[in-house]
Amino acid sequence: MTRRRLSVTVDEELIKAAKKAVAVGRADNVSSWVNDALHRQADHDRRLAALDEFLAAYEAEHGEISDAEMVEAARRARGRAIVVRGEAGVA
């Protein structure tokens, strides 16, 4: 893969986080830390676009998903969730 130098302006807190990741060995250098973050963002954006396409196709075939259907889906998802710490049912 071809790489190219890029100049960007970044929030100071993110620069500190990148340098800390390098210092503790979670990244080889700041450039690789930023490159990995950009990969994750691009993948996230691609997944959101795919979800948008899926929902548009679903709603075109079955009609708009109602608020009540979304509430019910969230309730069912919470019911299937596995509690890994804390107590079940506590928000």
C-alpha atoms as a PDB file:
ATOM      1  CA  MET A   1       0.000   0.000   0.000  1.00  0.00           C
ATOM      2  CA  THR A   2       1.329   3.418  -0.917  1.00  0.00           C
ATOM      3  CA  ARG A   3       1.757   5.885   1.914  1.00  0.00           C
ATOM      4  CA  ARG A   4       1.944   9.638   1.682  1.00  0.00           C
ATOM      5  CA  ARG A   5       2.909  12.351   4.152  1.00  0.00           C
ATOM      6  CA  LEU A   6      -0.015  14.465   5.357  1.00  0.00           C
ATOM      7  CA  SER A   7      -0.149  17.575   7.490  1.00  0.00           C
ATOM      8  CA  VAL A   8      -3.179  17.906   9.749  1.00  0.00           C
ATOM      9  CA  THR A   9      -4.311  19.896  12.767  1.00  0.00           C
ATOM     10  CA  VAL A  10      -5.301  17.694  15.705  1.00  0.00           C
ATOM     11  CA  ASP A  11      -6.721  18.395  19.161  1.00  0.00           C
ATOM     12  CA  GLU A  12      -3.980  18.503  21.813  1.00  0.00           C
ATOM     13  CA  GLU A  13      -5.681  15.749  23.852  1.00  0.00           C
ATOM     14  CA  LEU A  14      -5.457  13.397  20.872  1.00  0.00           C
ATOM     15  CA  ILE A  15      -1.770  14.116  20.407  1.00  0.00           C
ATOM     16  CA  LYS A  16      -1.222  13.258  24.082  1.00  0.00           C
ATOM     17  CA  ALA A  17      -3.252  10.048  23.671  1.00  0.00           C
ATOM     18  CA  ALA A  18      -1.212   9.066  20.617  1.00  0.00           C
ATOM     19  CA  LYS A  19       2.090   9.694  22.392  1.00  0.00           C
ATOM     20  CA  LYS A  20       0.891   7.713  25.418  1.00  0.00           C
ATOM     21  CA  ALA A  21      -0.092   4.787  23.154  1.00  0.00           C
ATOM     22  CA  VAL A  22       3.415   4.833  21.711  1.00  0.00           C
ATOM     23  CA  ALA A  23       5.029   5.106  25.154  1.00  0.00           C
ATOM     24  CA  VAL A  24       3.164   2.049  26.499  1.00  0.00           C
ATOM     25  CA  GLY A  25       3.714   0.033  23.334  1.00  0.00           C
ATOM     26  CA  ARG A  26       0.202   0.058  21.878  1.00  0.00           C
ATOM     27  CA  ALA A  27       1.497   1.763  18.723  1.00  0.00           C
ATOM     28  CA  ASP A  28       4.854   1.830  16.953  1.00  0.00           C
ATOM     29  CA  ASN A  29       4.704   5.586  16.429  1.00  0.00           C
ATOM     30  CA  VAL A  30       2.209   8.449  16.227  1.00  0.00           C
ATOM     31  CA  SER A  31       1.814   8.033  12.459  1.00  0.00           C
ATOM     32  CA  SER A  32       0.796   4.374  12.807  1.00  0.00           C
ATOM     33  CA  TRP A  33      -1.595   5.277  15.642  1.00  0.00           C
ATOM     34  CA  VAL A  34      -3.264   7.903  13.436  1.00  0.00           C
ATOM     35  CA  ASN A  35      -3.267   5.573  10.413  1.00  0.00           C
ATOM     36  CA  ASP A  36      -5.003   2.851  12.456  1.00  0.00           C
ATOM     37  CA  ALA A  37      -7.585   5.379  13.671  1.00  0.00           C
ATOM     38  CA  LEU A  38      -8.284   6.470  10.098  1.00  0.00           C
ATOM     39  CA  HIS A  39      -8.717   2.816   9.070  1.00  0.00           C
ATOM     40  CA  ARG A  40     -11.241   2.306  11.882  1.00  0.00           C
ATOM     41  CA  GLN A  41     -13.152   5.449  10.891  1.00  0.00           C
ATOM     42  CA  ALA A  42     -13.259   4.456   7.219  1.00  0.00           C
ATOM     43  CA  ASP A  43     -14.537   0.992   8.199  1.00  0.00           C
ATOM     44  CA  HIS A  44     -17.126   2.562  10.515  1.00  0.00           C
ATOM     45  CA  ASP A  45     -18.320   4.885   7.734  1.00  0.00           C
ATOM     46  CA  ARG A  46     -18.518   1.946   5.292  1.00  0.00           C
ATOM     47  CA  ARG A  47     -20.606  -0.072   7.768  1.00  0.00           C
ATOM     48  CA  LEU A  48     -22.968   2.844   8.417  1.00  0.00           C
ATOM     49  CA  ALA A  49     -23.464   3.328   4.680  1.00  0.00           C
ATOM     50  CA  ALA A  50     -24.230  -0.400   4.298  1.00  0.00           C
ATOM     51  CA  LEU A  51     -26.719  -0.197   7.169  1.00  0.00           C
ATOM     52  CA  ASP A  52     -28.386   2.834   5.560  1.00  0.00           C
ATOM     53  CA  GLU A  53     -28.704   0.907   2.284  1.00  0.00           C
ATOM     54  CA  PHE A  54     -30.112  -2.153   4.067  1.00  0.00           C
ATOM     55  CA  LEU A  55     -32.676  -0.096   6.001  1.00  0.00           C
ATOM     56  CA  ALA A  56     -33.755   1.806   2.890  1.00  0.00           C
ATOM     57  CA  ALA A  57     -34.275  -1.473   1.005  1.00  0.00           C
ATOM     58  CA  TYR A  58     -36.089  -3.040   3.981  1.00  0.00           C
ATOM     59  CA  GLU A  59     -38.410  -0.057   4.398  1.00  0.00           C
ATOM     60  CA  ALA A  60     -39.050   0.098   0.641  1.00  0.00           C
ATOM     61  CA  GLU A  61     -40.292  -3.489   0.810  1.00  0.00           C
ATOM     62  CA  HIS A  62     -41.950  -3.599   4.250  1.00  0.00           C
ATOM     63  CA  GLY A  63     -42.795   0.011   5.082  1.00  0.00           C
ATOM     64  CA  GLU A  64     -41.232   2.439   7.496  1.00  0.00           C
ATOM     65  CA  ILE A  65     -40.055   0.998  10.807  1.00  0.00           C
ATOM     66  CA  SER A  66     -42.259   2.512  13.520  1.00  0.00           C
ATOM     67  CA  ASP A  67     -41.140   3.956  16.847  1.00  0.00           C
ATOM     68  CA  ALA A  68     -43.009   1.146  18.599  1.00  0.00           C
ATOM     69  CA  GLU A  69     -41.105  -1.463  16.564  1.00  0.00           C
ATOM     70  CA  MET A  70     -37.798   0.179  17.488  1.00  0.00           C
ATOM     71  CA  VAL A  71     -38.728   0.234  21.192  1.00  0.00           C
ATOM     72  CA  GLU A  72     -39.715  -3.448  21.021  1.00  0.00           C
ATOM     73  CA  ALA A  73     -36.480  -4.375  19.238  1.00  0.00           C
ATOM     74  CA  ALA A  74     -34.431  -2.554  21.889  1.00  0.00           C
ATOM     75  CA  ARG A  75     -36.385  -4.326  24.658  1.00  0.00           C
ATOM     76  CA  ARG A  76     -35.717  -7.728  23.075  1.00  0.00           C
ATOM     77  CA  ALA A  77     -32.032  -6.903  22.605  1.00  0.00           C
ATOM     78  CA  ARG A  78     -31.679  -5.889  26.253  1.00  0.00           C
ATOM     79  CA  GLY A  79     -33.417  -9.123  27.253  1.00  0.00           C
ATOM     80  CA  ARG A  80     -30.788 -11.149  25.354  1.00  0.00           C
ATOM     81  CA  ALA A  81     -27.844  -9.149  26.698  1.00  0.00           C
ATOM     82  CA  ILE A  82     -25.337 -10.911  28.912  1.00  0.00           C
ATOM     83  CA  VAL A  83     -24.407  -8.984  32.037  1.00  0.00           C
ATOM     84  CA  VAL A  84     -20.641  -9.079  32.480  1.00  0.00           C
ATOM     85  CA  ARG A  85     -20.465  -6.810  35.514  1.00  0.00           C
ATOM     86  CA  GLY A  86     -22.933  -5.101  37.765  1.00  0.00           C
ATOM     87  CA  GLU A  87     -26.514  -6.258  38.081  1.00  0.00           C
ATOM     88  CA  ALA A  88     -29.004  -7.221  35.401  1.00  0.00           C
ATOM     89  CA  GLY A  89     -31.681  -4.604  34.812  1.00  0.00           C
ATOM     90  CA  VAL A  90     -29.652  -1.753  36.310  1.00  0.00           C
ATOM     91  CA  ALA A  91     -29.023   1.109  33.901  1.00  0.00           C
END
